[in-house]
Amino acid sequence: MDYIKLPHSIKHKDENGRILAEITFPETAPGVYTINHTYVSDELRGQGVAGDLVQMAVDQIREQGGEVRATCSYAAGWLKKNG
């Protein structure tokens, strides 16, 4: 699956440009990035896409030397299980 990685979000779009999966993580304080939204379309649910998005966001934030926080309930639960 192809993902579009931006400074504060990661997305996957279909061939028509419709967003099928997305995670957002704005910088909420200097060096602190808060995962505040995770979305996966019905057609991609059950395939591990949400977990992949959180892992990619965490990796991207840490590569930038940032601290990861989450207000999104899915991401918060994922972080408790996976660190």
Protein backbone atom coordinates (compact mmCIF):
# COMPACT_ATOMS: atom_id res chain seq x y z
CA MET A 1 0.00 0.00 0.00
CA ASP A 2 1.33 3.43 -0.93
CA TYR A 3 1.30 6.09 1.76
CA ILE A 4 1.78 9.83 1.45
CA LYS A 5 3.99 11.00 4.32
CA LEU A 6 3.69 14.65 5.26
CA PRO A 7 5.26 16.45 8.25
CA HIS A 8 2.16 16.02 10.46
CA SER A 9 0.11 13.32 8.74
CA ILE A 10 0.24 10.11 6.75
CA LYS A 11 -2.45 9.22 4.19
CA HIS A 12 -3.45 6.59 1.70
CA LYS A 13 -5.67 7.64 -1.21
CA ASP A 14 -7.42 5.65 -3.90
CA GLU A 15 -6.90 6.29 -7.61
CA ASN A 16 -9.60 9.01 -7.50
CA GLY A 17 -7.89 10.91 -4.68
CA ARG A 18 -10.34 9.78 -1.99
CA ILE A 19 -8.68 9.35 1.42
CA LEU A 20 -8.99 5.71 2.53
CA ALA A 21 -6.71 5.91 5.57
CA GLU A 22 -5.18 8.78 7.52
CA ILE A 23 -3.42 9.64 10.75
CA THR A 24 -2.66 13.15 11.99
CA PHE A 25 -0.09 14.22 14.58
CA PRO A 26 0.34 17.98 14.97
CA GLU A 27 3.16 19.46 17.03
CA THR A 28 1.26 20.52 20.16
CA ALA A 29 4.30 21.82 22.07
CA PRO A 30 7.94 22.22 21.01
CA GLY A 31 9.12 18.71 20.11
CA VAL A 32 5.85 17.07 21.21
CA TYR A 33 3.60 15.49 18.57
CA THR A 34 0.12 14.35 19.52
CA ILE A 35 -1.64 11.69 17.47
CA ASN A 36 -5.14 13.11 17.48
CA HIS A 37 -6.94 11.30 14.66
CA THR A 38 -6.80 7.90 12.99
CA TYR A 39 -9.18 7.02 10.16
CA VAL A 40 -9.53 3.84 8.11
CA SER A 41 -12.31 3.43 5.55
CA ASP A 42 -14.71 0.51 5.86
CA GLU A 43 -13.16 -1.20 2.84
CA LEU A 44 -9.73 -1.37 4.54
CA ARG A 45 -10.84 -2.25 8.08
CA GLY A 46 -9.64 -5.50 9.57
CA GLN A 47 -6.41 -5.48 7.56
CA GLY A 48 -4.12 -3.93 10.19
CA VAL A 49 -4.00 -0.56 8.46
CA ALA A 50 -4.69 1.49 11.62
CA GLY A 51 -1.84 -0.22 13.46
CA ASP A 52 0.46 0.33 10.48
CA LEU A 53 -0.46 4.04 10.47
CA VAL A 54 0.31 4.43 14.18
CA GLN A 55 3.63 2.59 13.80
CA MET A 56 4.63 4.78 10.86
CA ALA A 57 3.64 7.96 12.75
CA VAL A 58 5.58 6.90 15.85
CA ASP A 59 8.62 6.06 13.71
CA GLN A 60 8.43 9.38 11.88
CA ILE A 61 8.05 11.39 15.10
CA ARG A 62 10.94 9.59 16.80
CA GLU A 63 13.17 9.96 13.72
CA GLN A 64 12.63 13.73 14.08
CA GLY A 65 13.65 13.49 17.74
CA GLY A 66 10.11 14.19 18.91
CA GLU A 67 8.04 12.91 21.81
CA VAL A 68 4.88 10.93 21.01
CA ARG A 69 1.56 11.54 22.73
CA ALA A 70 -1.96 10.52 21.77
CA THR A 71 -5.46 11.85 22.29
CA CYS A 72 -6.93 9.49 19.68
CA SER A 73 -8.33 6.52 21.61
CA TYR A 74 -7.07 3.95 19.08
CA ALA A 75 -3.54 5.36 19.08
CA ALA A 76 -3.48 5.67 22.89
CA GLY A 77 -4.43 2.00 23.24
CA TRP A 78 -1.87 0.98 20.62
CA LEU A 79 0.86 2.90 22.43
CA LYS A 80 0.02 1.18 25.74
CA LYS A 81 0.37 -2.23 24.09
CA ASN A 82 3.31 -1.50 21.81
CA GLY A 83 5.18 1.35 23.48
